[in-house]
Every structure is written in C-alpha cells, then in structure tokens.
Amino acid sequence: MTAIDPGRQIDRARRLAEAGDLDAAAAIFAEIAADGDAPDRQEGAAGLSAVAERMAEQLLEDGEPGQAADLLLRALSVPGVADPARLRVLLGLAHLDMACGEFAGAVEEGVGSGEGADAGTGALAIELLARVLPLRGRDGDAESVWRYGLAHPDAALAEEVRLRLNRDVRPSIT
C-alpha cells in the first residue's frame, strides 16, 4: 500500500473520494490532470475518470441524466483524462435517457392532450420511445408504450403505431 502524504494534493483527493466527497475529489483530480507539470498527472487523470464514472452512474440511477451528461462532458474536457471511451459510453447512456424523456414528453404533450401533434408525430414518438427503452434494460416499459399506442383512441395514431411496430428495422448484414 502506498503511504499517503497529507501535504500532497493527489493524496487529499484520494481521501476525499474514499470519504464520499466525490465533487471535491473530482475538482482536485481535474486540476492535477490538467497541470502539464504535475508529477502526479497520470494519477490525477485516472482518479478523475474513476470519480466521474461513479458520480455519473449515481446520477443516472437517480434519474438525473442531464447532470450526468454535464459532469461527463467536464471530465472529458480535461486533457489526458483516463479511460475516455468508458466516459463516452456513459455520456451516450445519459443521452439515451434524456432522449427517452423527450420522447415521453412528446407523447404526453401531443398525443395525450389531443393538441398539437398529428398522428404521424405521435406514432414516431411512441416508436422511438419503445425502441430506445430496451437499450436501457427497460423491456417491460417498452411493451407498455407499444400497447398504449396500439390501443390509443385516435384510430389514425393507433394504425400508424401498428405499422411502425411491424416494420423490420434491422439492418441488412451481408
């Protein structure tokens, strides 16, 4: 085990992370990682990546994808951040969650109220929501969205949803 020097910023950041103060730890790790002359630059980059990942995962679990995306974009803007691919995947998941929220909002605002959205727009929102939800492990919710669309009292919308459900959207792989 590495000895911890209470005067070193990297060690302070580690202690903060271990104590659960991830915001403060991330700020210190980012400062170290961005300092081209810092002897602990690589450790700071690795610490920032680990803390940002933990924080983003928690924000996603808490239903805060916008905050997770903002956090990940800040971490990815730090030169030399470790494991940017993992952070980008989490950023993509945050964007999927935000997309689900927008699709659901479109369904609720346009389709549910009978105002604004035409049958094609409503069916598109239903399809996109139902097709994206399984990517986030929400198969049951996707089935409910399809059922909602298929049983909608607006016959034109229900027909549009039926057509969208039955079309083959898989790419042709040769």
N, C-alpha and C. Protein backbone atom coordinates (compact mmCIF):
# COMPACT_ATOMS: atom_id res chain seq x y z
N MET A 1 0.84 -1.19 0.00
CA MET A 1 0.00 0.00 0.00
C MET A 1 0.88 1.24 0.00
N THR A 2 0.49 2.22 -0.77
CA THR A 2 1.24 3.46 -0.88
C THR A 2 0.98 4.34 0.34
N ALA A 3 2.07 4.90 0.87
CA ALA A 3 1.93 5.81 2.01
C ALA A 3 1.27 7.10 1.52
N ILE A 4 0.43 7.67 2.35
CA ILE A 4 -0.28 8.89 1.99
C ILE A 4 0.39 10.07 2.67
N ASP A 5 0.77 11.03 1.85
CA ASP A 5 1.38 12.27 2.33
C ASP A 5 0.27 13.31 2.44
N PRO A 6 -0.04 13.76 3.67
CA PRO A 6 -1.15 14.69 3.83
C PRO A 6 -0.95 16.02 3.10
N GLY A 7 0.27 16.33 2.69
CA GLY A 7 0.53 17.58 2.00
C GLY A 7 0.35 17.49 0.50
N ARG A 8 0.27 16.30 -0.05
CA ARG A 8 0.13 16.14 -1.49
C ARG A 8 -1.34 16.22 -1.89
N GLN A 9 -1.60 16.98 -2.95
CA GLN A 9 -2.96 17.15 -3.44
C GLN A 9 -3.57 15.81 -3.89
N ILE A 10 -2.78 14.98 -4.54
CA ILE A 10 -3.31 13.70 -5.03
C ILE A 10 -3.80 12.85 -3.87
N ASP A 11 -3.05 12.88 -2.75
CA ASP A 11 -3.47 12.11 -1.59
C ASP A 11 -4.71 12.71 -0.94
N ARG A 12 -4.79 14.03 -0.96
CA ARG A 12 -6.00 14.69 -0.43
C ARG A 12 -7.22 14.29 -1.28
N ALA A 13 -7.05 14.27 -2.58
CA ALA A 13 -8.16 13.88 -3.47
C ALA A 13 -8.58 12.44 -3.20
N ARG A 14 -7.61 11.56 -3.01
CA ARG A 14 -7.94 10.16 -2.71
C ARG A 14 -8.73 10.05 -1.40
N ARG A 15 -8.28 10.78 -0.39
CA ARG A 15 -9.00 10.73 0.90
C ARG A 15 -10.44 11.23 0.75
N LEU A 16 -10.60 12.32 0.00
CA LEU A 16 -11.94 12.85 -0.23
C LEU A 16 -12.82 11.84 -0.96
N ALA A 17 -12.25 11.18 -1.96
CA ALA A 17 -13.01 10.18 -2.71
C ALA A 17 -13.40 9.02 -1.81
N GLU A 18 -12.48 8.56 -0.99
CA GLU A 18 -12.77 7.46 -0.07
C GLU A 18 -13.82 7.85 0.96
N ALA A 19 -13.84 9.13 1.33
CA ALA A 19 -14.82 9.62 2.31
C ALA A 19 -16.17 9.92 1.66
N GLY A 20 -16.23 9.82 0.33
CA GLY A 20 -17.50 10.05 -0.36
C GLY A 20 -17.72 11.45 -0.85
N ASP A 21 -16.74 12.34 -0.68
CA ASP A 21 -16.86 13.71 -1.19
C ASP A 21 -16.33 13.73 -2.62
N LEU A 22 -17.14 13.18 -3.52
CA LEU A 22 -16.70 12.99 -4.90
C LEU A 22 -16.54 14.30 -5.66
N ASP A 23 -17.38 15.28 -5.38
CA ASP A 23 -17.26 16.58 -6.06
C ASP A 23 -15.91 17.22 -5.78
N ALA A 24 -15.54 17.27 -4.51
CA ALA A 24 -14.26 17.88 -4.15
C ALA A 24 -13.10 17.06 -4.70
N ALA A 25 -13.20 15.74 -4.63
CA ALA A 25 -12.14 14.88 -5.17
C ALA A 25 -11.99 15.10 -6.67
N ALA A 26 -13.10 15.18 -7.38
CA ALA A 26 -13.06 15.37 -8.83
C ALA A 26 -12.38 16.69 -9.18
N ALA A 27 -12.68 17.73 -8.43
CA ALA A 27 -12.09 19.04 -8.71
C ALA A 27 -10.57 18.98 -8.56
N ILE A 28 -10.10 18.33 -7.52
CA ILE A 28 -8.65 18.23 -7.31
C ILE A 28 -8.01 17.33 -8.36
N PHE A 29 -8.63 16.18 -8.63
CA PHE A 29 -8.09 15.29 -9.66
C PHE A 29 -8.01 16.01 -11.01
N ALA A 30 -9.04 16.80 -11.35
CA ALA A 30 -9.05 17.52 -12.63
C ALA A 30 -7.94 18.56 -12.68
N GLU A 31 -7.73 19.25 -11.58
CA GLU A 31 -6.67 20.25 -11.51
C GLU A 31 -5.30 19.60 -11.72
N ILE A 32 -5.08 18.47 -11.08
CA ILE A 32 -3.81 17.75 -11.22
C ILE A 32 -3.65 17.23 -12.64
N ALA A 33 -4.71 16.64 -13.19
CA ALA A 33 -4.64 16.06 -14.53
C ALA A 33 -4.39 17.13 -15.59
N ALA A 34 -4.90 18.33 -15.38
CA ALA A 34 -4.75 19.40 -16.36
C ALA A 34 -3.40 20.12 -16.25
N ASP A 35 -2.67 19.89 -15.19
CA ASP A 35 -1.37 20.54 -14.97
C ASP A 35 -0.28 19.72 -15.67
N GLY A 36 0.21 20.24 -16.78
CA GLY A 36 1.22 19.53 -17.56
C GLY A 36 2.51 19.28 -16.81
N ASP A 37 2.77 20.04 -15.76
CA ASP A 37 4.00 19.88 -14.99
C ASP A 37 3.82 19.04 -13.73
N ALA A 38 2.61 18.66 -13.43
CA ALA A 38 2.35 17.91 -12.19
C ALA A 38 2.97 16.52 -12.26
N PRO A 39 3.72 16.13 -11.25
CA PRO A 39 4.32 14.79 -11.25
C PRO A 39 3.26 13.68 -11.14
N ASP A 40 2.11 14.02 -10.60
CA ASP A 40 1.04 13.04 -10.40
C ASP A 40 -0.05 13.16 -11.48
N ARG A 41 0.31 13.71 -12.63
CA ARG A 41 -0.69 14.00 -13.67
C ARG A 41 -1.46 12.74 -14.09
N GLN A 42 -0.77 11.65 -14.35
CA GLN A 42 -1.45 10.42 -14.78
C GLN A 42 -2.35 9.88 -13.67
N GLU A 43 -1.89 9.97 -12.43
CA GLU A 43 -2.73 9.52 -11.32
C GLU A 43 -3.96 10.41 -11.17
N GLY A 44 -3.79 11.70 -11.41
CA GLY A 44 -4.92 12.62 -11.35
C GLY A 44 -5.93 12.30 -12.45
N ALA A 45 -5.43 11.99 -13.64
CA ALA A 45 -6.32 11.65 -14.76
C ALA A 45 -7.09 10.37 -14.46
N ALA A 46 -6.40 9.39 -13.89
CA ALA A 46 -7.07 8.12 -13.53
C ALA A 46 -8.08 8.35 -12.42
N GLY A 47 -7.71 9.15 -11.43
CA GLY A 47 -8.64 9.44 -10.33
C GLY A 47 -9.87 10.18 -10.81
N LEU A 48 -9.66 11.16 -11.70
CA LEU A 48 -10.79 11.91 -12.25
C LEU A 48 -11.73 10.98 -13.00
N SER A 49 -11.17 10.10 -13.81
CA SER A 49 -12.00 9.17 -14.57
C SER A 49 -12.82 8.28 -13.64
N ALA A 50 -12.18 7.73 -12.62
CA ALA A 50 -12.88 6.83 -11.70
C ALA A 50 -13.98 7.56 -10.93
N VAL A 51 -13.68 8.76 -10.46
CA VAL A 51 -14.67 9.52 -9.68
C VAL A 51 -15.81 9.98 -10.59
N ALA A 52 -15.49 10.45 -11.79
CA ALA A 52 -16.53 10.89 -12.72
C ALA A 52 -17.44 9.73 -13.09
N GLU A 53 -16.87 8.56 -13.28
CA GLU A 53 -17.68 7.38 -13.59
C GLU A 53 -18.64 7.06 -12.45
N ARG A 54 -18.13 7.06 -11.23
CA ARG A 54 -19.00 6.78 -10.06
C ARG A 54 -20.11 7.80 -9.94
N MET A 55 -19.75 9.06 -10.09
CA MET A 55 -20.74 10.12 -9.95
C MET A 55 -21.80 10.04 -11.05
N ALA A 56 -21.36 9.80 -12.28
CA ALA A 56 -22.31 9.72 -13.40
C ALA A 56 -23.25 8.53 -13.24
N GLU A 57 -22.70 7.39 -12.83
CA GLU A 57 -23.56 6.22 -12.62
C GLU A 57 -24.61 6.51 -11.56
N GLN A 58 -24.21 7.19 -10.49
CA GLN A 58 -25.17 7.52 -9.43
C GLN A 58 -26.24 8.50 -9.95
N LEU A 59 -25.82 9.50 -10.71
CA LEU A 59 -26.77 10.45 -11.26
C LEU A 59 -27.76 9.75 -12.20
N LEU A 60 -27.27 8.81 -13.01
CA LEU A 60 -28.16 8.07 -13.90
C LEU A 60 -29.15 7.24 -13.09
N GLU A 61 -28.67 6.60 -12.04
CA GLU A 61 -29.57 5.81 -11.17
C GLU A 61 -30.62 6.70 -10.52
N ASP A 62 -30.23 7.94 -10.21
CA ASP A 62 -31.15 8.89 -9.56
C ASP A 62 -32.08 9.59 -10.55
N GLY A 63 -31.98 9.23 -11.83
CA GLY A 63 -32.84 9.85 -12.84
C GLY A 63 -32.43 11.25 -13.22
N GLU A 64 -31.13 11.54 -13.16
CA GLU A 64 -30.62 12.87 -13.49
C GLU A 64 -29.64 12.79 -14.67
N PRO A 65 -30.12 12.37 -15.86
CA PRO A 65 -29.21 12.19 -16.98
C PRO A 65 -28.57 13.49 -17.47
N GLY A 66 -29.27 14.60 -17.37
CA GLY A 66 -28.70 15.88 -17.79
C GLY A 66 -27.50 16.26 -16.95
N GLN A 67 -27.61 16.07 -15.64
CA GLN A 67 -26.49 16.36 -14.74
C GLN A 67 -25.34 15.40 -15.00
N ALA A 68 -25.67 14.13 -15.27
CA ALA A 68 -24.63 13.15 -15.58
C ALA A 68 -23.89 13.56 -16.86
N ALA A 69 -24.63 13.98 -17.87
CA ALA A 69 -24.02 14.39 -19.13
C ALA A 69 -23.11 15.60 -18.92
N ASP A 70 -23.57 16.58 -18.16
CA ASP A 70 -22.75 17.77 -17.89
C ASP A 70 -21.45 17.38 -17.18
N LEU A 71 -21.56 16.54 -16.19
CA LEU A 71 -20.39 16.08 -15.44
C LEU A 71 -19.40 15.36 -16.36
N LEU A 72 -19.91 14.46 -17.19
CA LEU A 72 -19.04 13.69 -18.08
C LEU A 72 -18.39 14.59 -19.12
N LEU A 73 -19.10 15.57 -19.64
CA LEU A 73 -18.50 16.50 -20.59
C LEU A 73 -17.38 17.30 -19.95
N ARG A 74 -17.57 17.71 -18.69
CA ARG A 74 -16.50 18.42 -17.99
C ARG A 74 -15.28 17.52 -17.81
N ALA A 75 -15.51 16.28 -17.41
CA ALA A 75 -14.39 15.35 -17.22
C ALA A 75 -13.68 15.08 -18.54
N LEU A 76 -14.44 14.90 -19.62
CA LEU A 76 -13.83 14.63 -20.92
C LEU A 76 -13.08 15.82 -21.48
N SER A 77 -13.37 17.02 -20.98
CA SER A 77 -12.67 18.21 -21.46
C SER A 77 -11.29 18.36 -20.83
N VAL A 78 -11.00 17.58 -19.80
CA VAL A 78 -9.70 17.65 -19.15
C VAL A 78 -8.68 16.87 -19.99
N PRO A 79 -7.62 17.54 -20.42
CA PRO A 79 -6.62 16.85 -21.23
C PRO A 79 -6.04 15.63 -20.50
N GLY A 80 -5.99 14.53 -21.19
CA GLY A 80 -5.37 13.33 -20.63
C GLY A 80 -6.24 12.54 -19.68
N VAL A 81 -7.54 12.86 -19.58
CA VAL A 81 -8.39 12.08 -18.69
C VAL A 81 -8.28 10.61 -19.05
N ALA A 82 -8.18 9.77 -18.04
CA ALA A 82 -8.03 8.33 -18.28
C ALA A 82 -9.36 7.72 -18.71
N ASP A 83 -9.28 6.69 -19.50
CA ASP A 83 -10.43 5.89 -19.95
C ASP A 83 -11.55 6.74 -20.54
N PRO A 84 -11.22 7.60 -21.52
CA PRO A 84 -12.27 8.43 -22.12
C PRO A 84 -13.35 7.60 -22.83
N ALA A 85 -12.99 6.42 -23.32
CA ALA A 85 -14.00 5.60 -24.00
C ALA A 85 -15.11 5.23 -23.03
N ARG A 86 -14.77 4.82 -21.83
CA ARG A 86 -15.78 4.46 -20.83
C ARG A 86 -16.65 5.67 -20.48
N LEU A 87 -16.02 6.82 -20.34
CA LEU A 87 -16.78 8.03 -20.02
C LEU A 87 -17.71 8.40 -21.18
N ARG A 88 -17.26 8.19 -22.41
CA ARG A 88 -18.11 8.48 -23.58
C ARG A 88 -19.30 7.52 -23.65
N VAL A 89 -19.09 6.27 -23.27
CA VAL A 89 -20.21 5.32 -23.25
C VAL A 89 -21.25 5.78 -22.22
N LEU A 90 -20.77 6.19 -21.05
CA LEU A 90 -21.70 6.70 -20.04
C LEU A 90 -22.41 7.96 -20.53
N LEU A 91 -21.69 8.81 -21.25
CA LEU A 91 -22.31 10.01 -21.83
C LEU A 91 -23.40 9.61 -22.82
N GLY A 92 -23.13 8.59 -23.62
CA GLY A 92 -24.16 8.10 -24.55
C GLY A 92 -25.37 7.57 -23.82
N LEU A 93 -25.16 6.86 -22.71
CA LEU A 93 -26.29 6.36 -21.92
C LEU A 93 -27.10 7.52 -21.34
N ALA A 94 -26.40 8.56 -20.90
CA ALA A 94 -27.11 9.74 -20.38
C ALA A 94 -27.96 10.36 -21.49
N HIS A 95 -27.41 10.42 -22.69
CA HIS A 95 -28.17 10.98 -23.81
C HIS A 95 -29.36 10.09 -24.18
N LEU A 96 -29.20 8.78 -24.09
CA LEU A 96 -30.34 7.89 -24.33
C LEU A 96 -31.45 8.15 -23.31
N ASP A 97 -31.06 8.31 -22.04
CA ASP A 97 -32.07 8.58 -21.01
C ASP A 97 -32.75 9.92 -21.26
N MET A 98 -31.98 10.92 -21.69
CA MET A 98 -32.59 12.22 -22.00
C MET A 98 -33.52 12.09 -23.21
N ALA A 99 -33.12 11.30 -24.20
CA ALA A 99 -33.98 11.08 -25.37
C ALA A 99 -35.29 10.43 -24.96
N CYS A 100 -35.21 9.45 -24.08
CA CYS A 100 -36.45 8.80 -23.60
C CYS A 100 -37.36 9.83 -22.95
N GLY A 101 -36.79 10.72 -22.18
CA GLY A 101 -37.59 11.77 -21.54
C GLY A 101 -38.24 12.68 -22.56
N GLU A 102 -37.52 13.02 -23.60
CA GLU A 102 -38.09 13.88 -24.64
C GLU A 102 -39.17 13.15 -25.43
N PHE A 103 -38.94 11.89 -25.77
CA PHE A 103 -39.96 11.13 -26.50
C PHE A 103 -41.22 10.98 -25.65
N ALA A 104 -41.03 10.68 -24.36
CA ALA A 104 -42.18 10.54 -23.47
C ALA A 104 -42.92 11.87 -23.35
N GLY A 105 -42.17 12.97 -23.26
CA GLY A 105 -42.78 14.28 -23.20
C GLY A 105 -43.60 14.60 -24.44
N ALA A 106 -43.06 14.20 -25.60
CA ALA A 106 -43.79 14.42 -26.85
C ALA A 106 -45.09 13.63 -26.86
N VAL A 107 -45.04 12.41 -26.36
CA VAL A 107 -46.24 11.58 -26.30
C VAL A 107 -47.25 12.21 -25.35
N GLU A 108 -46.79 12.61 -24.17
CA GLU A 108 -47.71 13.20 -23.17
C GLU A 108 -48.29 14.52 -23.63
N GLU A 109 -47.47 15.38 -24.21
CA GLU A 109 -47.94 16.70 -24.60
C GLU A 109 -48.81 16.68 -25.85
N GLY A 110 -48.36 15.97 -26.86
CA GLY A 110 -49.08 16.00 -28.13
C GLY A 110 -50.16 14.97 -28.24
N VAL A 111 -49.83 13.74 -27.92
CA VAL A 111 -50.77 12.64 -28.11
C VAL A 111 -51.78 12.61 -26.97
N GLY A 112 -51.32 12.74 -25.76
CA GLY A 112 -52.21 12.61 -24.61
C GLY A 112 -53.23 13.72 -24.51
N SER A 113 -52.85 14.93 -24.94
CA SER A 113 -53.77 16.05 -24.79
C SER A 113 -54.68 16.23 -25.99
N GLY A 114 -54.34 15.58 -27.09
CA GLY A 114 -55.12 15.76 -28.29
C GLY A 114 -54.80 17.07 -28.99
N GLU A 115 -53.78 17.79 -28.51
CA GLU A 115 -53.42 19.07 -29.09
C GLU A 115 -52.03 18.99 -29.71
N GLY A 116 -51.87 19.63 -30.83
CA GLY A 116 -50.53 19.84 -31.37
C GLY A 116 -50.04 18.75 -32.29
N ALA A 117 -49.76 17.59 -31.80
CA ALA A 117 -49.12 16.56 -32.60
C ALA A 117 -50.12 15.85 -33.50
N ASP A 118 -49.68 15.58 -34.73
CA ASP A 118 -50.52 14.79 -35.62
C ASP A 118 -50.24 13.31 -35.35
N ALA A 119 -51.00 12.45 -36.00
CA ALA A 119 -50.87 11.01 -35.75
C ALA A 119 -49.46 10.52 -36.09
N GLY A 120 -48.87 11.03 -37.15
CA GLY A 120 -47.53 10.61 -37.54
C GLY A 120 -46.49 10.98 -36.51
N THR A 121 -46.59 12.20 -35.99
CA THR A 121 -45.64 12.65 -34.96
C THR A 121 -45.81 11.84 -33.68
N GLY A 122 -47.05 11.63 -33.29
CA GLY A 122 -47.31 10.83 -32.09
C GLY A 122 -46.81 9.41 -32.23
N ALA A 123 -47.07 8.80 -33.39
CA ALA A 123 -46.62 7.43 -33.62
C ALA A 123 -45.10 7.36 -33.65
N LEU A 124 -44.45 8.36 -34.22
CA LEU A 124 -42.99 8.40 -34.24
C LEU A 124 -42.44 8.48 -32.83
N ALA A 125 -43.02 9.34 -32.00
CA ALA A 125 -42.56 9.47 -30.61
C ALA A 125 -42.75 8.16 -29.87
N ILE A 126 -43.88 7.50 -30.07
CA ILE A 126 -44.14 6.22 -29.42
C ILE A 126 -43.13 5.18 -29.89
N GLU A 127 -42.91 5.11 -31.19
CA GLU A 127 -41.95 4.13 -31.72
C GLU A 127 -40.55 4.37 -31.17
N LEU A 128 -40.08 5.60 -31.23
CA LEU A 128 -38.73 5.90 -30.76
C LEU A 128 -38.58 5.57 -29.28
N LEU A 129 -39.55 5.94 -28.48
CA LEU A 129 -39.50 5.62 -27.06
C LEU A 129 -39.48 4.11 -26.85
N ALA A 130 -40.36 3.40 -27.53
CA ALA A 130 -40.45 1.95 -27.36
C ALA A 130 -39.20 1.23 -27.86
N ARG A 131 -38.54 1.77 -28.85
CA ARG A 131 -37.33 1.12 -29.37
C ARG A 131 -36.08 1.47 -28.57
N VAL A 132 -36.07 2.62 -27.92
CA VAL A 132 -34.90 3.03 -27.13
C VAL A 132 -34.93 2.42 -25.72
N LEU A 133 -36.09 2.29 -25.13
CA LEU A 133 -36.18 1.77 -23.76
C LEU A 133 -35.45 0.43 -23.56
N PRO A 134 -35.55 -0.53 -24.46
CA PRO A 134 -34.81 -1.79 -24.25
C PRO A 134 -33.29 -1.60 -24.20
N LEU A 135 -32.78 -0.57 -24.85
CA LEU A 135 -31.35 -0.30 -24.78
C LEU A 135 -30.91 0.06 -23.37
N ARG A 136 -31.85 0.49 -22.56
CA ARG A 136 -31.58 0.84 -21.16
C ARG A 136 -32.11 -0.23 -20.21
N GLY A 137 -32.41 -1.43 -20.77
CA GLY A 137 -32.86 -2.54 -19.93
C GLY A 137 -34.30 -2.42 -19.47
N ARG A 138 -35.11 -1.70 -20.19
CA ARG A 138 -36.49 -1.44 -19.78
C ARG A 138 -37.47 -2.05 -20.77
N ASP A 139 -37.33 -3.36 -21.00
CA ASP A 139 -38.18 -4.06 -21.96
C ASP A 139 -39.66 -3.98 -21.59
N GLY A 140 -39.97 -4.13 -20.33
CA GLY A 140 -41.37 -4.08 -19.89
C GLY A 140 -42.01 -2.73 -20.17
N ASP A 141 -41.24 -1.66 -19.94
CA ASP A 141 -41.75 -0.32 -20.24
C ASP A 141 -41.98 -0.15 -21.74
N ALA A 142 -41.08 -0.73 -22.54
CA ALA A 142 -41.23 -0.64 -23.99
C ALA A 142 -42.52 -1.32 -24.43
N GLU A 143 -42.81 -2.49 -23.88
CA GLU A 143 -44.05 -3.19 -24.21
C GLU A 143 -45.26 -2.35 -23.83
N SER A 144 -45.20 -1.70 -22.68
CA SER A 144 -46.31 -0.84 -22.26
C SER A 144 -46.52 0.32 -23.22
N VAL A 145 -45.43 0.89 -23.71
CA VAL A 145 -45.53 2.01 -24.65
C VAL A 145 -46.17 1.54 -25.95
N TRP A 146 -45.72 0.37 -26.47
CA TRP A 146 -46.34 -0.16 -27.70
C TRP A 146 -47.83 -0.40 -27.47
N ARG A 147 -48.19 -1.01 -26.34
CA ARG A 147 -49.61 -1.28 -26.05
C ARG A 147 -50.42 0.01 -25.98
N TYR A 148 -49.84 1.01 -25.34
CA TYR A 148 -50.51 2.30 -25.26
C TYR A 148 -50.82 2.83 -26.66
N GLY A 149 -49.81 2.79 -27.53
CA GLY A 149 -50.01 3.29 -28.89
C GLY A 149 -51.00 2.47 -29.68
N LEU A 150 -50.93 1.16 -29.55
CA LEU A 150 -51.84 0.28 -30.29
C LEU A 150 -53.29 0.43 -29.83
N ALA A 151 -53.49 0.75 -28.57
CA ALA A 151 -54.84 0.88 -28.01
C ALA A 151 -55.31 2.34 -27.96
N HIS A 152 -54.57 3.23 -28.56
CA HIS A 152 -54.92 4.65 -28.47
C HIS A 152 -56.29 4.90 -29.10
N PRO A 153 -57.10 5.77 -28.49
CA PRO A 153 -58.43 6.05 -29.03
C PRO A 153 -58.42 6.75 -30.39
N ASP A 154 -57.32 7.42 -30.73
CA ASP A 154 -57.20 8.02 -32.06
C ASP A 154 -56.84 6.89 -33.02
N ALA A 155 -57.80 6.49 -33.86
CA ALA A 155 -57.61 5.35 -34.76
C ALA A 155 -56.45 5.56 -35.73
N ALA A 156 -56.26 6.77 -36.20
CA ALA A 156 -55.16 7.04 -37.13
C ALA A 156 -53.81 6.84 -36.44
N LEU A 157 -53.72 7.31 -35.21
CA LEU A 157 -52.47 7.14 -34.46
C LEU A 157 -52.24 5.66 -34.18
N ALA A 158 -53.25 4.95 -33.74
CA ALA A 158 -53.10 3.52 -33.45
C ALA A 158 -52.65 2.75 -34.70
N GLU A 159 -53.19 3.11 -35.85
CA GLU A 159 -52.80 2.45 -37.10
C GLU A 159 -51.34 2.76 -37.45
N GLU A 160 -50.94 4.01 -37.27
CA GLU A 160 -49.53 4.39 -37.51
C GLU A 160 -48.60 3.60 -36.59
N VAL A 161 -48.99 3.44 -35.34
CA VAL A 161 -48.17 2.69 -34.39
C VAL A 161 -48.09 1.23 -34.82
N ARG A 162 -49.22 0.66 -35.25
CA ARG A 162 -49.22 -0.74 -35.70
C ARG A 162 -48.25 -0.93 -36.87
N LEU A 163 -48.29 -0.02 -37.84
CA LEU A 163 -47.39 -0.10 -38.99
C LEU A 163 -45.93 0.00 -38.56
N ARG A 164 -45.66 0.88 -37.62
CA ARG A 164 -44.29 1.06 -37.14
C ARG A 164 -43.82 -0.15 -36.34
N LEU A 165 -44.71 -0.75 -35.58
CA LEU A 165 -44.34 -1.93 -34.80
C LEU A 165 -43.96 -3.09 -35.70
N ASN A 166 -44.69 -3.25 -36.80
CA ASN A 166 -44.49 -4.40 -37.67
C ASN A 166 -43.39 -4.24 -38.71
N ARG A 167 -42.83 -3.07 -38.85
CA ARG A 167 -41.79 -2.91 -39.87
C ARG A 167 -40.46 -3.47 -39.37
N ASP A 168 -39.67 -3.94 -40.27
CA ASP A 168 -38.38 -4.52 -39.94
C ASP A 168 -37.35 -3.39 -39.96
N VAL A 169 -36.77 -3.09 -38.81
CA VAL A 169 -35.79 -2.00 -38.74
C VAL A 169 -34.37 -2.55 -38.58
N ARG A 170 -34.22 -3.85 -38.67
CA ARG A 170 -32.88 -4.41 -38.54
C ARG A 170 -32.10 -4.15 -39.81
N PRO A 171 -30.82 -3.82 -39.68
CA PRO A 171 -30.02 -3.59 -40.88
C PRO A 171 -29.74 -4.90 -41.60
N SER A 172 -29.61 -4.81 -42.89
CA SER A 172 -29.27 -5.98 -43.70
C SER A 172 -27.76 -6.19 -43.59
N ILE A 173 -27.36 -7.30 -43.04
CA ILE A 173 -25.94 -7.61 -42.88
C ILE A 173 -25.59 -8.74 -43.85
N THR A 174 -24.63 -8.46 -44.69
CA THR A 174 -24.22 -9.48 -45.67
C THR A 174 -22.80 -9.90 -45.44
